[in-house]
């Protein structure tokens, strides 16, 4: 297994993939291609005509295989224990060097909607050298993110 935390000097494959996702989201188009995290375009699917988000799940080097999660609100005392609403689904918003800013996505409360996630106003920035894996979910449309 590639230990991304010990490989800070030779590039960061996760940061490179997140950079591709960011560019794709900024230039969303309705074409489809191979189903991989770094596929060259955001695809339209049976549930949307044009996708603008490639949702990702993050796994940290010391996370024991548990996806990273963050609160869906900006409440300063919120943490992902107890009754606080949290999510482990994120949207890439900005990349500067080896740091990436993510928006927390929440499950869409409208069960009749074809779009599975809604945007929150909760953001966080992570040093990508702390990530050892990402999981890309199906491209989708998220309202109010562009």
Protein backbone atom coordinates (compact mmCIF):
# COMPACT_ATOMS: atom_id res chain seq x y z
CA UNK A 1 0.00 0.00 0.00
CA UNK A 2 1.30 3.46 -0.88
CA UNK A 3 1.82 5.49 2.27
CA UNK A 4 1.06 9.00 1.04
CA UNK A 5 2.11 10.50 4.40
CA UNK A 6 5.73 9.37 3.99
CA UNK A 7 5.97 10.45 0.36
CA UNK A 8 5.71 14.25 0.68
CA UNK A 9 8.67 15.11 -1.59
CA UNK A 10 7.87 13.07 -4.70
CA UNK A 11 4.42 14.44 -5.53
CA UNK A 12 1.01 13.57 -4.26
CA UNK A 13 -1.19 11.41 -6.48
CA UNK A 14 -4.29 12.24 -4.45
CA UNK A 15 -3.67 15.97 -4.81
CA UNK A 16 -3.21 15.47 -8.57
CA UNK A 17 -6.53 13.60 -8.84
CA UNK A 18 -8.31 16.24 -6.75
CA UNK A 19 -6.87 18.90 -9.07
CA UNK A 20 -8.35 17.07 -12.07
CA UNK A 21 -11.72 16.81 -10.33
CA UNK A 22 -11.68 20.54 -9.59
CA UNK A 23 -10.97 21.43 -13.23
CA UNK A 24 -13.71 19.08 -14.40
CA UNK A 25 -16.21 20.58 -12.01
CA UNK A 26 -15.28 24.06 -13.21
CA UNK A 27 -15.83 22.97 -16.82
CA UNK A 28 -18.73 20.55 -16.34
CA UNK A 29 -20.02 19.00 -19.54
CA UNK A 30 -22.56 16.27 -20.33
CA UNK A 31 -20.27 13.68 -22.00
CA UNK A 32 -19.57 10.27 -20.47
CA UNK A 33 -16.31 8.30 -20.29
CA UNK A 34 -14.63 5.62 -18.21
CA UNK A 35 -15.89 5.36 -14.65
CA UNK A 36 -12.77 6.30 -12.67
CA UNK A 37 -11.91 9.21 -10.35
CA UNK A 38 -9.74 10.90 -12.97
CA UNK A 39 -11.98 10.27 -16.01
CA UNK A 40 -11.64 13.29 -18.27
CA UNK A 41 -15.17 14.73 -18.11
CA UNK A 42 -18.07 14.95 -15.70
CA UNK A 43 -20.79 12.83 -17.17
CA UNK A 44 -24.49 13.20 -17.43
CA UNK A 45 -26.36 10.24 -16.13
CA UNK A 46 -29.89 8.89 -16.21
CA UNK A 47 -30.75 11.22 -13.31
CA UNK A 48 -29.27 14.46 -14.60
CA UNK A 49 -28.57 16.17 -17.89
CA UNK A 50 -25.48 18.03 -16.78
CA UNK A 51 -23.40 17.14 -13.74
CA UNK A 52 -21.36 19.76 -11.89
CA UNK A 53 -19.92 17.70 -9.03
CA UNK A 54 -17.85 14.57 -8.61
CA UNK A 55 -18.50 13.77 -4.92
CA UNK A 56 -15.61 12.17 -3.05
CA UNK A 57 -15.05 10.34 0.21
CA UNK A 58 -11.67 10.82 1.92
CA UNK A 59 -9.59 8.37 3.92
CA UNK A 60 -6.74 9.61 6.12
CA UNK A 61 -3.50 7.74 6.69
CA UNK A 62 -4.31 7.12 10.37
CA UNK A 63 -8.05 6.64 9.95
CA UNK A 64 -8.08 2.82 10.11
CA UNK A 65 -10.20 2.58 6.96
CA UNK A 66 -12.96 4.85 8.27
CA UNK A 67 -14.05 7.68 5.95
CA UNK A 68 -13.27 11.21 7.12
CA UNK A 69 -16.41 13.05 8.20
CA UNK A 70 -17.19 16.66 9.02
CA UNK A 71 -20.18 18.54 10.48
CA UNK A 72 -22.73 19.87 8.00
CA UNK A 73 -22.92 23.21 9.87
CA UNK A 74 -20.43 25.91 10.83
CA UNK A 75 -21.30 25.57 14.52
CA UNK A 76 -17.97 26.00 16.33
CA UNK A 77 -18.78 23.33 18.91
CA UNK A 78 -19.99 20.76 16.40
CA UNK A 79 -18.13 17.51 16.16
CA UNK A 80 -19.12 14.22 14.60
CA UNK A 81 -20.30 12.55 17.76
CA UNK A 82 -23.67 12.46 19.46
CA UNK A 83 -26.48 14.32 17.73
CA UNK A 84 -24.39 16.52 15.42
CA UNK A 85 -25.24 15.99 11.76
CA UNK A 86 -22.14 14.98 9.83
CA UNK A 87 -21.31 13.82 6.35
CA UNK A 88 -18.45 11.97 4.72
CA UNK A 89 -19.32 13.20 1.20
CA UNK A 90 -17.42 16.23 -0.09
CA UNK A 91 -16.99 18.47 -3.13
CA UNK A 92 -13.59 19.85 -4.18
CA UNK A 93 -13.77 23.65 -4.09
CA UNK A 94 -10.20 24.97 -4.25
CA UNK A 95 -6.62 23.67 -4.37
CA UNK A 96 -3.56 25.68 -3.35
CA UNK A 97 -0.30 23.74 -3.38
CA UNK A 98 -0.83 20.55 -1.42
CA UNK A 99 -3.92 21.86 0.40
CA UNK A 100 -7.48 21.32 -0.78
CA UNK A 101 -10.63 23.08 0.39
CA UNK A 102 -13.73 20.90 0.42
CA UNK A 103 -17.43 21.70 0.78
CA UNK A 104 -19.40 19.28 2.94
CA UNK A 105 -22.36 17.80 1.07
CA UNK A 106 -25.43 16.53 2.89
CA UNK A 107 -28.05 13.99 1.90
CA UNK A 108 -30.88 15.65 0.03
CA UNK A 109 -33.89 15.83 2.39
CA UNK A 110 -36.23 15.88 -0.64
CA UNK A 111 -36.67 12.17 -1.24
CA UNK A 112 -38.43 12.87 -4.56
CA UNK A 113 -35.40 14.70 -5.98
CA UNK A 114 -33.17 13.00 -8.52
CA UNK A 115 -30.15 14.73 -6.96
CA UNK A 116 -28.77 12.82 -3.96
CA UNK A 117 -26.88 15.69 -2.26
CA UNK A 118 -27.35 19.31 -1.28
CA UNK A 119 -24.64 21.88 -0.72
CA UNK A 120 -23.92 23.08 2.81
CA UNK A 121 -22.06 26.21 3.92
CA UNK A 122 -19.59 24.06 5.82
CA UNK A 123 -16.05 24.01 4.40
CA UNK A 124 -12.69 22.66 5.55
CA UNK A 125 -9.15 22.65 4.21
CA UNK A 126 -6.98 19.55 4.37
CA UNK A 127 -3.32 18.90 3.68
CA UNK A 128 -3.49 16.24 0.97
CA UNK A 129 -0.37 14.53 2.31
CA UNK A 130 -2.61 13.31 5.16
CA UNK A 131 -4.81 11.41 2.70
CA UNK A 132 -4.08 7.84 1.73
CA UNK A 133 -7.19 7.17 -0.40
CA UNK A 134 -10.17 8.82 -2.02
CA UNK A 135 -13.35 7.22 -3.25
CA UNK A 136 -15.23 8.89 -6.08
CA UNK A 137 -18.98 8.59 -6.21
CA UNK A 138 -21.22 8.98 -9.25
CA UNK A 139 -21.17 12.40 -10.87
CA UNK A 140 -24.20 14.43 -9.97
CA UNK A 141 -25.75 17.88 -10.01
CA UNK A 142 -25.61 19.89 -6.78
CA UNK A 143 -27.64 23.09 -6.71
CA UNK A 144 -26.01 26.40 -5.66
CA UNK A 145 -22.33 25.44 -6.03
CA UNK A 146 -21.18 27.28 -9.19
